[in-house]
Amino acid sequence: VRLVESGGDSVQSGGTLRLSCVASGHRDRSYCMAWFRQASGTQREQVASILGDGSTTYADSVKGRFTISQDASKTTLSLQMNDLKSADTAMYYCAAVICLPGSNTNYDVGKWIDFGFWGQGTQVTVSS
């Protein structure tokens, strides 16, 4: 599975960005998809995910501001980010992990890191 992110940029606080992740090589399996971020000196954290049953999860810090979505072909994963804050500054990564279709189980970060597929990341910088 190959994942390629784009859309990162430098914006002012309160601004918006839309990240995209194009996936290839995944059509023969069921995958959960997610966006993670990692700020300098911190651990990688999950921002939002789409699970095997199509349900979505969000970190508390982004609820109401970020929206994760996937196109019908499951080729492109997006993250719409509104009302950006300086605390959102980080490298953002797209990730995919094999999961059961119809399941709403989300995996811990460790499983995503150990067994998932990852893109190269796209930088988001929010200035106040």
Protein backbone atom coordinates (compact mmCIF):
# COMPACT_ATOMS: atom_id res chain seq x y z
CA VAL A 1 0.00 0.00 0.00
CA ARG A 2 1.35 3.39 -0.99
CA LEU A 3 0.07 6.58 0.61
CA VAL A 4 0.92 10.08 -0.57
CA GLU A 5 -0.19 13.13 1.41
CA SER A 6 -0.55 16.71 0.22
CA GLY A 7 -2.12 19.97 1.29
CA GLY A 8 0.05 21.02 4.20
CA ASP A 9 0.87 24.72 4.41
CA SER A 10 1.50 27.65 6.71
CA VAL A 11 -1.67 29.49 7.76
CA GLN A 12 -2.77 31.99 10.35
CA SER A 13 -4.75 31.03 13.42
CA GLY A 14 -8.42 30.63 12.53
CA GLY A 15 -7.60 29.58 8.99
CA THR A 16 -8.53 26.43 7.10
CA LEU A 17 -6.66 23.69 5.28
CA ARG A 18 -7.66 20.52 3.50
CA LEU A 19 -5.24 17.61 3.53
CA SER A 20 -5.46 14.80 0.99
CA CYS A 21 -4.00 11.33 0.91
CA VAL A 22 -4.01 9.27 -2.27
CA ALA A 23 -3.86 5.52 -1.69
CA SER A 24 -2.80 2.82 -4.13
CA GLY A 25 -2.22 -0.91 -3.96
CA HIS A 26 -4.95 -1.55 -1.41
CA ARG A 27 -7.95 -2.78 -3.37
CA ASP A 28 -7.77 -6.45 -2.33
CA ARG A 29 -8.15 -5.87 1.43
CA SER A 30 -10.27 -3.94 3.91
CA TYR A 31 -8.45 -1.07 5.57
CA CYS A 32 -9.14 1.35 8.35
CA MET A 33 -7.75 4.78 7.50
CA ALA A 34 -6.59 7.55 9.76
CA TRP A 35 -4.77 10.84 10.07
CA PHE A 36 -2.08 11.16 12.70
CA ARG A 37 0.08 14.10 13.66
CA GLN A 38 3.35 14.56 15.44
CA ALA A 39 4.63 17.86 16.74
CA SER A 40 8.28 18.38 17.50
CA GLY A 41 9.24 16.63 20.73
CA THR A 42 5.90 14.87 21.17
CA GLN A 43 4.53 11.41 20.48
CA ARG A 44 2.50 10.65 17.39
CA GLU A 45 -1.23 11.00 18.07
CA GLN A 46 -4.28 9.95 16.13
CA VAL A 47 -6.33 12.90 14.93
CA ALA A 48 -9.20 11.16 13.15
CA SER A 49 -10.03 7.76 11.73
CA ILE A 50 -12.49 5.89 9.54
CA LEU A 51 -13.13 2.40 10.86
CA GLY A 52 -14.16 -0.85 9.19
CA ASP A 53 -17.87 -0.08 9.46
CA GLY A 54 -17.42 3.43 8.07
CA SER A 55 -17.79 5.18 11.42
CA THR A 56 -15.44 8.01 12.30
CA THR A 57 -13.53 8.94 15.43
CA TYR A 58 -11.88 12.21 16.42
CA ALA A 59 -9.41 13.31 19.05
CA ASP A 60 -11.10 15.57 21.59
CA SER A 61 -8.82 18.44 20.62
CA VAL A 62 -10.16 18.55 17.05
CA LYS A 63 -13.84 17.61 17.47
CA GLY A 64 -16.09 20.13 15.80
CA ARG A 65 -13.20 21.59 13.78
CA PHE A 66 -11.83 18.70 11.69
CA THR A 67 -13.71 16.36 9.38
CA ILE A 68 -12.31 13.13 7.95
CA SER A 69 -13.78 11.73 4.75
CA GLN A 70 -13.07 9.21 2.03
CA ASP A 71 -14.25 9.14 -1.55
CA ALA A 72 -16.49 6.31 -2.78
CA SER A 73 -13.62 4.54 -4.50
CA LYS A 74 -11.61 4.65 -1.26
CA THR A 75 -8.72 6.10 -3.19
CA THR A 76 -8.54 9.51 -1.53
CA LEU A 77 -8.69 10.23 2.19
CA SER A 78 -9.24 13.85 3.19
CA LEU A 79 -9.01 15.91 6.36
CA GLN A 80 -10.84 19.22 6.36
CA MET A 81 -9.37 21.41 9.08
CA ASN A 82 -11.24 24.54 10.16
CA ASP A 83 -10.51 27.13 12.84
CA LEU A 84 -6.90 26.08 13.03
CA LYS A 85 -4.96 26.83 16.19
CA SER A 86 -1.25 27.06 16.89
CA ALA A 87 -1.57 23.78 18.82
CA ASP A 88 -2.44 22.08 15.50
CA THR A 89 1.06 22.75 14.19
CA ALA A 90 2.60 19.36 13.37
CA MET A 91 3.59 16.94 10.66
CA TYR A 92 0.43 15.17 9.54
CA TYR A 93 0.53 11.56 8.38
CA CYS A 94 -1.97 9.40 6.55
CA ALA A 95 -2.07 5.77 7.67
CA ALA A 96 -3.84 2.55 6.73
CA VAL A 97 -4.13 -0.70 8.65
CA ILE A 98 -5.90 -3.91 7.70
CA CYS A 99 -9.11 -4.22 9.67
CA LEU A 100 -12.32 -6.25 9.67
CA PRO A 101 -15.06 -4.91 7.40
CA GLY A 102 -18.10 -3.96 9.45
CA SER A 103 -16.09 -3.58 12.64
CA ASN A 104 -15.99 -0.39 14.70
CA THR A 105 -12.81 -1.37 16.53
CA ASN A 106 -10.13 1.29 16.58
CA TYR A 107 -6.60 0.17 17.28
CA ASP A 108 -4.08 1.74 19.59
CA VAL A 109 -1.33 3.87 18.13
CA GLY A 110 1.19 1.08 18.62
CA LYS A 111 -0.65 -1.26 16.30
CA TRP A 112 -0.96 1.41 13.66
CA ILE A 113 2.77 2.06 13.89
CA ASP A 114 3.78 -1.63 13.92
CA PHE A 115 1.38 -2.98 11.31
CA GLY A 116 0.16 0.01 9.36
CA PHE A 117 1.20 1.64 6.13
CA TRP A 118 2.27 5.27 6.30
CA GLY A 119 2.75 8.21 4.03
CA GLN A 120 5.73 10.56 4.16
CA GLY A 121 3.82 13.31 5.95
CA THR A 122 2.79 16.87 5.15
CA GLN A 123 3.65 19.85 7.37
CA VAL A 124 0.97 22.08 8.84
CA THR A 125 2.12 25.27 10.55
CA VAL A 126 -0.35 27.61 12.24
CA SER A 127 0.86 31.00 13.39
CA SER A 128 -0.97 33.13 15.91
